[in-house]
Structure formats: C-alpha cells, structure tokens
Amino acid sequence: MVKNRLRRFGHPLRCRPPLLGDKHKAQQVWNTVVRWTDAYVRRDLKGVMEIFDPEEAFSFYGAPSMSYADLESGYRSAFAKDPSATNGEWVALADEVYAEGKTAFVRGIAELQVKGTEGSARVTERNRCIDIYRLTGADDWKIFRTMCYPDPKK
C-alpha cells in the first residue's frame, strides 16, 4: 500500500518515500523531486524542465514517446490555462527512491483526483510510473527515461 504522497498541484510534500541503495544519493534524487514539485506549484516552466535530461524519452503505454521538446510544449500549454478552471489535480504517490552509482529511479503512482460537488475527491485516472535518473554532475540528477502505464485499480 502506498503511504507517501507527493502532491504536485498546490500542496506541499508531506513525507518522503523509502530511500534505498546509496541513501545519500537517493536523498539527492528526492531533493531534486522536491525542487521540481516546488517549481510545478509555482508554474515555473524553466524550473520544471530542469529535472529533465535533453535526451528524455517519456513513454506512456499505447502512445508515441514524447521528447524533451514535447514535454516542454505540454507543460507550457498546461501552465497557460487558468488553474481555477479545473476541479481536479494530479497527485503522485511515491513508493520508493533507489540510487546506486550514477543511476537512480523513483517508482510510484500518478492519479487524477477530481473533487465532487460535496468536496470529496474521486480518482478518475491512475497510472504506474517509473522515472530513471542519471547523475550529470556532483549532485545534479536528471530524468532521462520515464515509463507510465494505466493502473486498473482506481
């Protein structure tokens, strides 16, 4: 069961997932995720894109892979929309962070939670995801591969 919530829209991180492998490097990766989340909440396109390697390939089951440029275009479009126009938010549930050498991954679930008229949230979309990172400097971790697929448990 996933217990660690990483809220990407307007909510602070509440707790960190297990840090496995080289715990120091896993903490560096988690710090990168926290910075990304802060940039996303601020709708800071430059800050959001800093986490991605220029060679990023984002794959979602059944769809063509997206490049760095595709992701940047998608975030630009999303940030241009009025955030109050939607009653849903994407929430990432981080299961674990693992790092060894110059490679790491963050594994978890992303779900779209839509608020109902009575204020409760229901999950309308749920995806399992893994982000693969590589170390590009002393402590600069970049995502270079992402794989997501639908999770039928919603």
Protein backbone atom coordinates (compact mmCIF):
# COMPACT_ATOMS: atom_id res chain seq x y z
CA MET A 1 0.00 0.00 0.00
CA VAL A 2 1.28 3.44 -0.91
CA LYS A 3 1.60 5.71 2.09
CA ASN A 4 3.77 8.54 0.81
CA ARG A 5 2.02 11.34 -1.02
CA LEU A 6 3.80 13.80 -3.28
CA ARG A 7 1.18 16.33 -4.26
CA ARG A 8 2.08 18.15 -7.47
CA PHE A 9 -0.66 20.79 -7.54
CA GLY A 10 -0.65 23.38 -4.79
CA HIS A 11 0.19 21.08 -1.89
CA PRO A 12 3.50 20.63 -0.09
CA LEU A 13 5.24 17.31 0.18
CA ARG A 14 4.11 15.60 3.34
CA CYS A 15 6.61 12.78 3.72
CA ARG A 16 9.40 11.12 1.86
CA PRO A 17 9.33 7.58 0.48
CA PRO A 18 11.92 4.94 1.45
CA LEU A 19 15.41 5.86 0.27
CA LEU A 20 17.17 2.70 -0.89
CA GLY A 21 20.61 1.73 -2.18
CA ASP A 22 23.07 4.57 -1.66
CA LYS A 23 20.97 6.58 0.78
CA HIS A 24 22.99 9.79 0.28
CA LYS A 25 22.43 9.70 -3.48
CA ALA A 26 18.80 8.65 -3.03
CA GLN A 27 18.34 11.74 -0.83
CA GLN A 28 19.88 13.89 -3.60
CA VAL A 29 17.33 12.44 -6.04
CA TRP A 30 14.48 13.09 -3.61
CA ASN A 31 15.71 16.68 -3.15
CA THR A 32 15.51 17.03 -6.96
CA VAL A 33 11.89 15.79 -6.88
CA VAL A 34 11.08 18.32 -4.14
CA ARG A 35 12.58 21.18 -6.20
CA TRP A 36 10.61 20.01 -9.25
CA THR A 37 7.40 19.94 -7.22
CA ASP A 38 8.00 23.45 -5.92
CA ALA A 39 8.60 24.69 -9.49
CA TYR A 40 5.44 22.95 -10.68
CA VAL A 41 3.32 24.56 -7.96
CA ARG A 42 4.71 27.96 -8.99
CA ARG A 43 4.07 27.12 -12.67
CA ASP A 44 7.73 27.86 -13.33
CA LEU A 45 8.40 26.27 -16.72
CA LYS A 46 12.18 26.70 -16.55
CA GLY A 47 12.30 25.15 -13.06
CA VAL A 48 10.05 22.26 -14.13
CA MET A 49 12.18 21.47 -17.17
CA GLU A 50 15.45 21.48 -15.17
CA ILE A 51 14.73 17.95 -13.94
CA PHE A 52 14.71 16.50 -17.46
CA ASP A 53 17.76 15.48 -19.46
CA PRO A 54 17.64 16.88 -23.03
CA GLU A 55 17.60 13.22 -24.18
CA GLU A 56 14.46 12.46 -22.13
CA ALA A 57 12.09 9.91 -23.62
CA PHE A 58 8.68 9.82 -21.92
CA SER A 59 6.70 6.68 -22.76
CA PHE A 60 3.06 6.13 -21.94
CA TYR A 61 1.55 2.77 -22.79
CA GLY A 62 -0.15 2.86 -26.19
CA ALA A 63 1.04 6.36 -27.17
CA PRO A 64 4.09 7.58 -29.09
CA SER A 65 7.03 8.50 -26.86
CA MET A 66 7.46 12.18 -26.06
CA SER A 67 10.75 14.07 -26.23
CA TYR A 68 12.07 16.88 -24.06
CA ALA A 69 10.57 19.38 -26.53
CA ASP A 70 7.19 17.61 -26.40
CA LEU A 71 7.18 17.74 -22.58
CA GLU A 72 8.15 21.40 -22.58
CA SER A 73 5.34 22.21 -25.01
CA GLY A 74 2.85 20.26 -22.89
CA TYR A 75 3.85 21.99 -19.66
CA ARG A 76 3.78 25.40 -21.39
CA SER A 77 0.24 24.69 -22.61
CA ALA A 78 -0.89 23.42 -19.20
CA PHE A 79 0.57 26.42 -17.38
CA ALA A 80 -1.16 28.82 -19.78
CA LYS A 81 -4.58 27.51 -18.69
CA ASP A 82 -6.39 29.04 -15.74
CA PRO A 83 -5.82 26.64 -12.80
CA SER A 84 -9.21 27.53 -11.31
CA ALA A 85 -10.94 26.21 -14.45
CA THR A 86 -10.41 22.60 -13.36
CA ASN A 87 -11.64 20.78 -10.30
CA GLY A 88 -9.02 18.04 -10.49
CA GLU A 89 -5.38 17.66 -9.58
CA TRP A 90 -2.66 15.15 -10.36
CA VAL A 91 -1.22 13.55 -7.23
CA ALA A 92 1.96 11.46 -7.28
CA LEU A 93 2.24 8.70 -4.73
CA ALA A 94 5.94 7.89 -4.42
CA ASP A 95 6.70 4.29 -3.43
CA GLU A 96 10.50 4.35 -3.38
CA VAL A 97 13.68 6.10 -4.44
CA TYR A 98 16.66 3.91 -5.29
CA ALA A 99 20.16 5.11 -6.24
CA GLU A 100 23.46 3.38 -6.99
CA GLY A 101 26.48 4.78 -8.79
CA LYS A 102 25.30 7.23 -11.44
CA THR A 103 21.79 5.81 -11.87
CA ALA A 104 18.62 6.10 -9.81
CA PHE A 105 14.88 5.65 -10.09
CA VAL A 106 11.70 6.91 -8.46
CA ARG A 107 8.78 4.49 -8.66
CA GLY A 108 5.18 5.30 -7.86
CA ILE A 109 1.67 6.10 -8.99
CA ALA A 110 0.20 9.26 -10.51
CA GLU A 111 -3.54 9.70 -10.14
CA LEU A 112 -6.01 12.34 -11.23
CA GLN A 113 -8.21 13.25 -8.28
CA VAL A 114 -11.39 15.16 -9.16
CA LYS A 115 -13.36 16.98 -6.48
CA GLY A 116 -17.03 16.18 -6.35
CA THR A 117 -19.79 18.64 -5.53
CA GLU A 118 -19.74 17.58 -1.87
CA GLY A 119 -15.98 18.25 -1.65
CA SER A 120 -14.76 14.67 -1.64
CA ALA A 121 -12.23 13.53 -4.23
CA ARG A 122 -12.55 10.57 -6.57
CA VAL A 123 -9.82 9.09 -8.71
CA THR A 124 -10.66 9.26 -12.41
CA GLU A 125 -7.28 8.19 -13.81
CA ARG A 126 -4.41 6.24 -12.25
CA ASN A 127 -1.01 5.42 -13.78
CA ARG A 128 2.00 3.46 -12.56
CA CYS A 129 5.23 5.31 -13.38
CA ILE A 130 8.97 4.96 -13.08
CA ASP A 131 11.43 7.79 -13.70
CA ILE A 132 15.03 6.77 -14.42
CA TYR A 133 17.67 9.34 -13.46
CA ARG A 134 21.33 9.73 -14.24
CA LEU A 135 23.91 11.75 -12.36
CA THR A 136 25.21 14.57 -14.57
CA GLY A 137 27.41 16.40 -12.03
CA ALA A 138 28.36 16.11 -8.37
CA ASP A 139 24.70 16.08 -7.30
CA ASP A 140 22.71 17.02 -10.42
CA TRP A 141 20.23 14.24 -11.19
CA LYS A 142 18.27 14.35 -14.47
CA ILE A 143 15.39 12.15 -15.68
CA PHE A 144 16.31 10.55 -18.99
CA ARG A 145 13.59 7.88 -19.22
CA THR A 146 10.02 7.76 -17.97
CA MET A 147 7.63 4.84 -18.37
CA CYS A 148 3.97 5.03 -17.39
CA TYR A 149 1.07 2.68 -17.89
CA PRO A 150 -2.56 2.63 -16.72
CA ASP A 151 -3.24 1.07 -13.33
CA PRO A 152 -6.65 -0.61 -13.32
CA LYS A 153 -7.03 -0.09 -9.54
CA LYS A 154 -8.87 3.22 -9.43
